[in-house]
N, C-alpha and C. Protein backbone atom coordinates (compact mmCIF):
# COMPACT_ATOMS: atom_id res chain seq x y z
N MET A 1 -9.70 -19.86 40.84
CA MET A 1 -11.02 -19.30 40.78
C MET A 1 -10.98 -17.91 41.41
N ALA A 2 -11.54 -16.94 40.72
CA ALA A 2 -11.55 -15.57 41.20
C ALA A 2 -12.96 -15.18 41.58
N ALA A 3 -13.08 -14.12 42.34
CA ALA A 3 -14.40 -13.60 42.69
C ALA A 3 -14.45 -12.16 42.27
N THR A 4 -15.63 -11.72 41.87
CA THR A 4 -15.81 -10.34 41.47
C THR A 4 -17.13 -9.84 42.03
N THR A 5 -17.23 -8.55 42.23
CA THR A 5 -18.44 -7.96 42.76
C THR A 5 -19.04 -7.04 41.70
N THR A 6 -20.33 -7.19 41.46
CA THR A 6 -21.06 -6.33 40.54
C THR A 6 -22.32 -5.87 41.23
N ARG A 7 -23.10 -5.09 40.54
CA ARG A 7 -24.38 -4.65 41.10
C ARG A 7 -25.30 -5.84 41.33
N PHE A 8 -24.98 -6.96 40.73
CA PHE A 8 -25.80 -8.16 40.86
C PHE A 8 -25.33 -9.06 41.98
N GLY A 9 -24.27 -8.66 42.70
CA GLY A 9 -23.77 -9.45 43.82
C GLY A 9 -22.40 -10.02 43.52
N VAL A 10 -21.94 -10.87 44.41
CA VAL A 10 -20.62 -11.48 44.25
C VAL A 10 -20.78 -12.74 43.41
N HIS A 11 -19.94 -12.84 42.40
CA HIS A 11 -19.98 -13.99 41.52
C HIS A 11 -18.62 -14.67 41.51
N ARG A 12 -18.62 -15.96 41.52
CA ARG A 12 -17.38 -16.70 41.36
C ARG A 12 -17.19 -16.94 39.87
N ILE A 13 -15.99 -16.72 39.42
CA ILE A 13 -15.68 -16.94 38.02
C ILE A 13 -14.95 -18.27 37.92
N ALA A 14 -15.59 -19.21 37.30
CA ALA A 14 -15.01 -20.55 37.16
C ALA A 14 -15.31 -21.05 35.77
N ARG A 15 -14.49 -21.95 35.33
CA ARG A 15 -14.76 -22.57 34.04
C ARG A 15 -15.74 -23.70 34.27
N ARG A 16 -16.87 -23.57 33.62
CA ARG A 16 -17.87 -24.61 33.74
C ARG A 16 -18.74 -24.57 32.50
N GLU A 17 -19.45 -25.64 32.32
CA GLU A 17 -20.33 -25.72 31.17
C GLU A 17 -21.55 -24.84 31.40
N ALA A 18 -22.03 -24.24 30.34
CA ALA A 18 -23.24 -23.43 30.42
C ALA A 18 -24.43 -24.36 30.67
N PRO A 19 -25.43 -23.87 31.40
CA PRO A 19 -26.62 -24.71 31.62
C PRO A 19 -27.26 -25.09 30.29
N ILE A 20 -27.77 -26.29 30.24
CA ILE A 20 -28.42 -26.76 29.02
C ILE A 20 -29.83 -26.18 29.00
N ALA A 21 -30.12 -25.48 27.94
CA ALA A 21 -31.45 -24.88 27.79
C ALA A 21 -31.98 -25.24 26.41
N ARG A 22 -33.27 -25.25 26.28
CA ARG A 22 -33.87 -25.53 24.98
C ARG A 22 -33.56 -24.36 24.05
N ALA A 23 -33.46 -24.66 22.79
CA ALA A 23 -33.03 -23.67 21.80
C ALA A 23 -33.98 -22.48 21.70
N ASN A 24 -35.26 -22.70 21.84
CA ASN A 24 -36.23 -21.62 21.61
C ASN A 24 -36.74 -20.97 22.89
N ARG A 25 -36.01 -21.09 23.97
CA ARG A 25 -36.43 -20.47 25.23
C ARG A 25 -35.88 -19.07 25.32
N ARG A 26 -36.72 -18.12 25.64
CA ARG A 26 -36.30 -16.74 25.82
C ARG A 26 -36.09 -16.48 27.29
N ARG A 27 -35.34 -15.45 27.58
CA ARG A 27 -35.12 -15.03 28.96
C ARG A 27 -35.69 -13.63 29.14
N HIS A 28 -36.21 -13.39 30.33
CA HIS A 28 -36.72 -12.06 30.66
C HIS A 28 -35.53 -11.23 31.14
N ILE A 29 -35.05 -10.35 30.29
CA ILE A 29 -33.88 -9.54 30.60
C ILE A 29 -34.36 -8.16 31.03
N THR A 30 -34.08 -7.82 32.28
CA THR A 30 -34.48 -6.52 32.80
C THR A 30 -33.65 -5.42 32.12
N PRO A 31 -34.11 -4.19 32.16
CA PRO A 31 -33.32 -3.10 31.58
C PRO A 31 -31.93 -3.00 32.19
N GLU A 32 -31.82 -3.22 33.49
CA GLU A 32 -30.51 -3.16 34.16
C GLU A 32 -29.59 -4.27 33.66
N ALA A 33 -30.12 -5.49 33.56
CA ALA A 33 -29.32 -6.61 33.06
C ALA A 33 -28.97 -6.39 31.59
N GLY A 34 -29.91 -5.87 30.82
CA GLY A 34 -29.66 -5.59 29.41
C GLY A 34 -28.54 -4.58 29.23
N ARG A 35 -28.54 -3.55 30.05
CA ARG A 35 -27.48 -2.53 29.97
C ARG A 35 -26.13 -3.15 30.35
N ALA A 36 -26.12 -4.00 31.38
CA ALA A 36 -24.87 -4.66 31.78
C ALA A 36 -24.36 -5.56 30.66
N LEU A 37 -25.26 -6.30 30.01
CA LEU A 37 -24.86 -7.16 28.89
C LEU A 37 -24.32 -6.33 27.73
N GLU A 38 -24.95 -5.19 27.49
CA GLU A 38 -24.50 -4.31 26.42
C GLU A 38 -23.09 -3.77 26.70
N ILE A 39 -22.87 -3.30 27.91
CA ILE A 39 -21.56 -2.76 28.29
C ILE A 39 -20.48 -3.85 28.21
N LEU A 40 -20.79 -5.02 28.76
CA LEU A 40 -19.84 -6.13 28.70
C LEU A 40 -19.55 -6.54 27.26
N GLY A 41 -20.58 -6.57 26.43
CA GLY A 41 -20.40 -6.92 25.03
C GLY A 41 -19.46 -5.96 24.32
N HIS A 42 -19.63 -4.65 24.59
CA HIS A 42 -18.74 -3.66 23.99
C HIS A 42 -17.31 -3.83 24.49
N ALA A 43 -17.14 -4.10 25.77
CA ALA A 43 -15.80 -4.28 26.34
C ALA A 43 -15.13 -5.51 25.74
N ILE A 44 -15.87 -6.60 25.61
CA ILE A 44 -15.33 -7.83 25.01
C ILE A 44 -14.92 -7.57 23.56
N GLU A 45 -15.79 -6.91 22.82
CA GLU A 45 -15.49 -6.61 21.43
C GLU A 45 -14.25 -5.71 21.30
N TYR A 46 -14.16 -4.70 22.15
CA TYR A 46 -13.02 -3.79 22.12
C TYR A 46 -11.72 -4.54 22.39
N LEU A 47 -11.70 -5.34 23.45
CA LEU A 47 -10.47 -6.06 23.80
C LEU A 47 -10.07 -7.08 22.74
N THR A 48 -11.03 -7.78 22.15
CA THR A 48 -10.69 -8.76 21.12
C THR A 48 -10.21 -8.06 19.85
N ASP A 49 -10.84 -6.95 19.48
CA ASP A 49 -10.38 -6.20 18.31
C ASP A 49 -8.96 -5.70 18.52
N GLU A 50 -8.68 -5.18 19.71
CA GLU A 50 -7.34 -4.69 20.03
C GLU A 50 -6.33 -5.83 19.97
N TYR A 51 -6.70 -6.98 20.49
CA TYR A 51 -5.81 -8.15 20.50
C TYR A 51 -5.48 -8.58 19.07
N VAL A 52 -6.51 -8.64 18.22
CA VAL A 52 -6.30 -9.04 16.83
C VAL A 52 -5.48 -7.99 16.09
N HIS A 53 -5.76 -6.72 16.35
CA HIS A 53 -5.03 -5.63 15.69
C HIS A 53 -3.53 -5.67 16.03
N GLU A 54 -3.21 -6.05 17.25
CA GLU A 54 -1.81 -6.14 17.67
C GLU A 54 -1.13 -7.38 17.10
N ALA A 55 -1.92 -8.28 16.50
CA ALA A 55 -1.43 -9.50 15.86
C ALA A 55 -0.53 -10.32 16.78
N LYS A 56 -0.98 -10.48 18.00
CA LYS A 56 -0.24 -11.29 18.96
C LYS A 56 -0.49 -12.77 18.69
N GLU A 57 0.45 -13.58 19.14
CA GLU A 57 0.25 -15.02 19.08
C GLU A 57 -0.64 -15.42 20.26
N PHE A 58 -1.64 -16.22 20.00
CA PHE A 58 -2.60 -16.57 21.04
C PHE A 58 -1.93 -17.37 22.16
N SER A 59 -2.19 -16.96 23.38
CA SER A 59 -1.72 -17.68 24.56
C SER A 59 -2.75 -17.53 25.66
N ALA A 60 -3.14 -18.64 26.27
CA ALA A 60 -4.13 -18.61 27.35
C ALA A 60 -3.61 -17.85 28.57
N ARG A 61 -2.29 -17.70 28.67
CA ARG A 61 -1.71 -16.98 29.82
C ARG A 61 -1.60 -15.48 29.59
N ASP A 62 -1.93 -15.04 28.39
CA ASP A 62 -1.88 -13.61 28.07
C ASP A 62 -2.93 -12.88 28.92
N PRO A 63 -2.55 -11.80 29.59
CA PRO A 63 -3.50 -11.07 30.44
C PRO A 63 -4.72 -10.54 29.67
N GLN A 64 -4.53 -10.17 28.41
CA GLN A 64 -5.66 -9.69 27.62
C GLN A 64 -6.66 -10.82 27.36
N VAL A 65 -6.17 -12.00 27.08
CA VAL A 65 -7.04 -13.16 26.86
C VAL A 65 -7.77 -13.49 28.16
N GLN A 66 -7.07 -13.46 29.27
CA GLN A 66 -7.70 -13.73 30.56
C GLN A 66 -8.76 -12.68 30.89
N ALA A 67 -8.50 -11.43 30.53
CA ALA A 67 -9.49 -10.37 30.76
C ALA A 67 -10.75 -10.62 29.94
N VAL A 68 -10.58 -11.01 28.69
CA VAL A 68 -11.73 -11.32 27.83
C VAL A 68 -12.50 -12.51 28.39
N GLN A 69 -11.79 -13.53 28.86
CA GLN A 69 -12.46 -14.69 29.44
C GLN A 69 -13.24 -14.31 30.69
N MET A 70 -12.68 -13.42 31.51
CA MET A 70 -13.40 -12.97 32.71
C MET A 70 -14.66 -12.20 32.34
N LEU A 71 -14.55 -11.30 31.37
CA LEU A 71 -15.72 -10.54 30.94
C LEU A 71 -16.78 -11.45 30.34
N MET A 72 -16.36 -12.46 29.58
CA MET A 72 -17.31 -13.39 29.00
C MET A 72 -18.01 -14.21 30.08
N ALA A 73 -17.28 -14.59 31.12
CA ALA A 73 -17.88 -15.33 32.24
C ALA A 73 -18.92 -14.46 32.95
N LEU A 74 -18.59 -13.19 33.17
CA LEU A 74 -19.56 -12.28 33.78
C LEU A 74 -20.79 -12.11 32.91
N ASN A 75 -20.56 -11.99 31.61
CA ASN A 75 -21.66 -11.84 30.66
C ASN A 75 -22.60 -13.05 30.74
N ARG A 76 -22.03 -14.26 30.71
CA ARG A 76 -22.85 -15.47 30.83
C ARG A 76 -23.58 -15.53 32.16
N GLY A 77 -22.87 -15.14 33.24
CA GLY A 77 -23.50 -15.16 34.57
C GLY A 77 -24.72 -14.27 34.65
N ILE A 78 -24.60 -13.07 34.08
CA ILE A 78 -25.74 -12.15 34.09
C ILE A 78 -26.87 -12.70 33.23
N TYR A 79 -26.52 -13.21 32.05
CA TYR A 79 -27.55 -13.74 31.15
C TYR A 79 -28.30 -14.91 31.77
N TYR A 80 -27.55 -15.87 32.34
CA TYR A 80 -28.20 -17.05 32.92
C TYR A 80 -28.91 -16.74 34.24
N ALA A 81 -28.63 -15.60 34.85
CA ALA A 81 -29.35 -15.20 36.06
C ALA A 81 -30.74 -14.66 35.72
N CYS A 82 -30.94 -14.29 34.47
CA CYS A 82 -32.25 -13.80 34.04
C CYS A 82 -33.21 -14.99 33.93
N PRO A 83 -34.42 -14.84 34.45
CA PRO A 83 -35.35 -15.98 34.44
C PRO A 83 -35.85 -16.32 33.03
N LEU A 84 -36.11 -17.60 32.82
CA LEU A 84 -36.68 -18.04 31.55
C LEU A 84 -38.12 -17.55 31.46
N GLU A 85 -38.50 -17.10 30.28
CA GLU A 85 -39.89 -16.73 30.06
C GLU A 85 -40.68 -18.01 29.80
N PRO A 86 -41.91 -18.07 30.29
CA PRO A 86 -42.69 -19.28 30.06
C PRO A 86 -43.01 -19.45 28.57
N THR A 87 -43.06 -20.69 28.14
CA THR A 87 -43.42 -20.98 26.75
C THR A 87 -44.92 -20.78 26.58
N PHE A 88 -45.38 -20.82 25.35
CA PHE A 88 -46.80 -20.68 25.08
C PHE A 88 -47.60 -21.78 25.79
N ILE A 89 -47.09 -23.00 25.75
CA ILE A 89 -47.77 -24.13 26.39
C ILE A 89 -47.85 -23.91 27.90
N GLU A 90 -46.78 -23.45 28.51
CA GLU A 90 -46.77 -23.19 29.96
C GLU A 90 -47.77 -22.09 30.32
N ARG A 91 -47.84 -21.05 29.50
CA ARG A 91 -48.82 -19.98 29.76
C ARG A 91 -50.23 -20.50 29.60
N LEU A 92 -50.45 -21.35 28.60
CA LEU A 92 -51.77 -21.91 28.36
C LEU A 92 -52.19 -22.81 29.52
N ARG A 93 -51.26 -23.64 30.00
CA ARG A 93 -51.56 -24.50 31.16
C ARG A 93 -51.90 -23.67 32.39
N ALA A 94 -51.14 -22.61 32.62
CA ALA A 94 -51.39 -21.74 33.77
C ALA A 94 -52.76 -21.08 33.65
N PHE A 95 -53.12 -20.68 32.44
CA PHE A 95 -54.42 -20.05 32.20
C PHE A 95 -55.56 -21.00 32.53
N PHE A 96 -55.46 -22.24 32.04
CA PHE A 96 -56.52 -23.21 32.31
C PHE A 96 -56.49 -23.73 33.74
N HIS A 97 -55.31 -23.70 34.36
CA HIS A 97 -55.19 -24.13 35.76
C HIS A 97 -56.03 -23.22 36.67
N VAL A 98 -56.14 -21.96 36.33
CA VAL A 98 -56.93 -21.01 37.12
C VAL A 98 -58.39 -21.42 37.10
N PHE A 99 -58.88 -21.87 35.96
CA PHE A 99 -60.30 -22.23 35.85
C PHE A 99 -60.62 -23.61 36.42
N VAL A 100 -59.64 -24.50 36.48
CA VAL A 100 -59.88 -25.84 36.98
C VAL A 100 -59.93 -25.84 38.50
N HIS A 101 -59.08 -25.05 39.14
CA HIS A 101 -59.04 -25.06 40.61
C HIS A 101 -59.77 -23.94 41.19
């Protein structure tokens, strides 16, 4: 397990399952998080394109593959750190909750 530091703090990079979320839930992505996701996405795309272009045989021990896995873990970490936006039903309940109490 490795650790990395970003503007979002220290994150541990580990292999784990992504949190289970409902399919239609959106996340509130701040401009800073959005820019980080964009940069990471470009880096992941660049490294994978380069890897495919070199026509290497896939190996999990290849440093390029490990670099892509690290960037993907950071990308997921930033995405899942963004809060879920409330659903329509949750907003409606909150609206009526104000009038009931």
